[in-house]
Amino acid sequence: QVQLVESGGGLVQAGGSLRLSCAASGIIFSMYAMGWYRQAPGKQRELLAVIGSGGSTSTADPVKGRFTISRDNAKNTVSLQMNSLKPEDTAVYFCNARMGGTYYWGQGTQVIVSS
């Protein structure tokens, strides 16, 4: 079955960095667009960054210049490098795989940024 497993979350001070990873199995990874989303308490899930099957990327304005998405098709992983973290980046971060109308989600990893 399809599995997306996020890792790398944790507690970090404001201004620090974290690197999230998502390992995919059960899909032909190279054919899927991969994305990172987050959801803070009481807020809607928001899209942070997407990387297409061909490697093109798009990053949402709130995190542009601070977050970078990348993928390794040989390892079936997608990563999110997060720099200059702010307390408002505190959320559960989710990995997403999309091909056409088919979506898969990971379970999420918690990121807490202390001030």
Protein backbone atom coordinates (compact mmCIF):
# COMPACT_ATOMS: atom_id res chain seq x y z
CA GLN A 1 0.00 0.00 0.00
CA VAL A 2 1.01 3.63 -0.32
CA GLN A 3 2.94 5.11 2.57
CA LEU A 4 4.33 8.59 3.09
CA VAL A 5 6.38 8.89 6.26
CA GLU A 6 7.57 12.29 7.44
CA SER A 7 10.51 12.80 9.78
CA GLY A 8 12.73 15.57 11.06
CA GLY A 9 10.29 17.63 13.08
CA GLY A 10 11.01 18.81 16.58
CA LEU A 11 11.58 21.78 18.84
CA VAL A 12 13.83 24.58 17.62
CA GLN A 13 14.52 28.14 18.69
CA ALA A 14 13.48 31.08 16.54
CA GLY A 15 16.09 31.73 13.88
CA GLY A 16 17.08 28.08 13.74
CA SER A 17 16.77 25.50 11.00
CA LEU A 18 15.19 22.11 10.47
CA ARG A 19 15.17 19.71 7.57
CA LEU A 20 12.06 17.62 7.08
CA SER A 21 12.08 14.46 5.01
CA CYS A 22 9.30 12.34 3.56
CA ALA A 23 9.92 8.77 2.45
CA ALA A 24 7.45 7.37 -0.05
CA SER A 25 6.65 3.76 -0.85
CA GLY A 26 3.99 2.01 -2.88
CA ILE A 27 4.01 4.58 -5.69
CA ILE A 28 6.12 5.26 -8.75
CA PHE A 29 7.65 8.21 -6.98
CA SER A 30 9.18 9.90 -10.01
CA MET A 31 5.75 10.27 -11.61
CA TYR A 32 4.25 12.21 -8.70
CA ALA A 33 4.34 15.87 -7.84
CA MET A 34 5.32 16.18 -4.18
CA GLY A 35 4.29 18.89 -1.79
CA TRP A 36 4.68 20.08 1.75
CA TYR A 37 1.77 21.52 3.70
CA ARG A 38 1.31 22.61 7.28
CA GLN A 39 -1.57 23.04 9.65
CA ALA A 40 -1.43 25.14 12.77
CA PRO A 41 -3.98 24.74 15.58
CA GLY A 42 -7.28 26.30 14.61
CA LYS A 43 -6.13 27.06 11.09
CA GLN A 44 -6.63 25.51 7.68
CA ARG A 45 -3.99 23.36 6.09
CA GLU A 46 -1.83 25.51 3.84
CA LEU A 47 0.41 24.67 0.93
CA LEU A 48 4.06 25.59 1.44
CA ALA A 49 5.94 24.23 -1.54
CA VAL A 50 5.55 21.86 -4.46
CA ILE A 51 8.06 20.10 -6.66
CA GLY A 52 6.90 18.61 -9.91
CA SER A 53 7.85 15.26 -11.36
CA GLY A 54 10.26 17.14 -13.61
CA GLY A 55 11.83 19.05 -10.73
CA SER A 56 10.17 22.43 -11.14
CA THR A 57 9.38 24.08 -7.84
CA SER A 58 6.92 26.58 -6.44
CA THR A 59 7.03 28.09 -2.98
CA ALA A 60 4.31 29.99 -1.12
CA ASP A 61 4.95 33.62 -0.32
CA PRO A 62 4.94 33.25 3.50
CA VAL A 63 7.95 30.95 3.36
CA LYS A 64 9.65 32.04 0.14
CA GLY A 65 13.33 32.64 0.68
CA ARG A 66 13.32 30.61 3.91
CA PHE A 67 12.02 27.18 2.86
CA THR A 68 13.39 25.05 0.02
CA ILE A 69 11.85 21.88 -1.36
CA SER A 70 13.90 19.18 -3.07
CA ARG A 71 13.47 15.59 -4.15
CA ASP A 72 15.66 12.53 -4.64
CA ASN A 73 13.98 10.13 -7.03
CA ALA A 74 16.64 7.48 -6.42
CA LYS A 75 15.71 7.39 -2.73
CA ASN A 76 11.98 8.13 -3.13
CA THR A 77 12.27 11.06 -0.78
CA VAL A 78 11.23 14.70 -0.73
CA SER A 79 12.73 17.17 1.70
CA LEU A 80 11.93 20.61 3.04
CA GLN A 81 14.83 22.70 4.28
CA MET A 82 13.51 25.31 6.68
CA ASN A 83 15.73 28.21 7.69
CA SER A 84 15.18 31.34 9.77
CA LEU A 85 12.29 29.70 11.56
CA LYS A 86 9.74 31.85 13.33
CA PRO A 87 7.28 31.04 16.13
CA GLU A 88 4.47 31.35 13.58
CA ASP A 89 5.98 28.40 11.70
CA THR A 90 4.80 26.16 14.55
CA ALA A 91 2.49 23.56 13.01
CA VAL A 92 2.13 19.97 11.95
CA TYR A 93 3.87 19.52 8.61
CA PHE A 94 2.49 17.09 6.05
CA CYS A 95 3.90 15.51 2.94
CA ASN A 96 1.64 15.07 -0.08
CA ALA A 97 1.96 13.07 -3.30
CA ARG A 98 -0.23 14.00 -6.26
CA MET A 99 -0.75 12.64 -9.74
CA GLY A 100 -3.81 13.83 -11.56
CA GLY A 101 -6.78 13.45 -9.24
CA THR A 102 -5.01 11.01 -6.93
CA TYR A 103 -3.67 12.34 -3.63
CA TYR A 104 -1.83 10.67 -0.78
CA TRP A 105 -0.95 12.17 2.60
CA GLY A 106 1.52 11.37 5.30
CA GLN A 107 0.71 11.37 9.02
CA GLY A 108 2.55 14.61 9.67
CA THR A 109 5.46 15.70 11.83
CA GLN A 110 5.26 18.36 14.53
CA VAL A 111 7.42 21.46 14.35
CA ILE A 112 7.56 23.79 17.34
CA VAL A 113 9.48 27.05 17.14
CA SER A 114 10.12 28.73 20.46
CA SER A 115 10.65 32.46 20.81
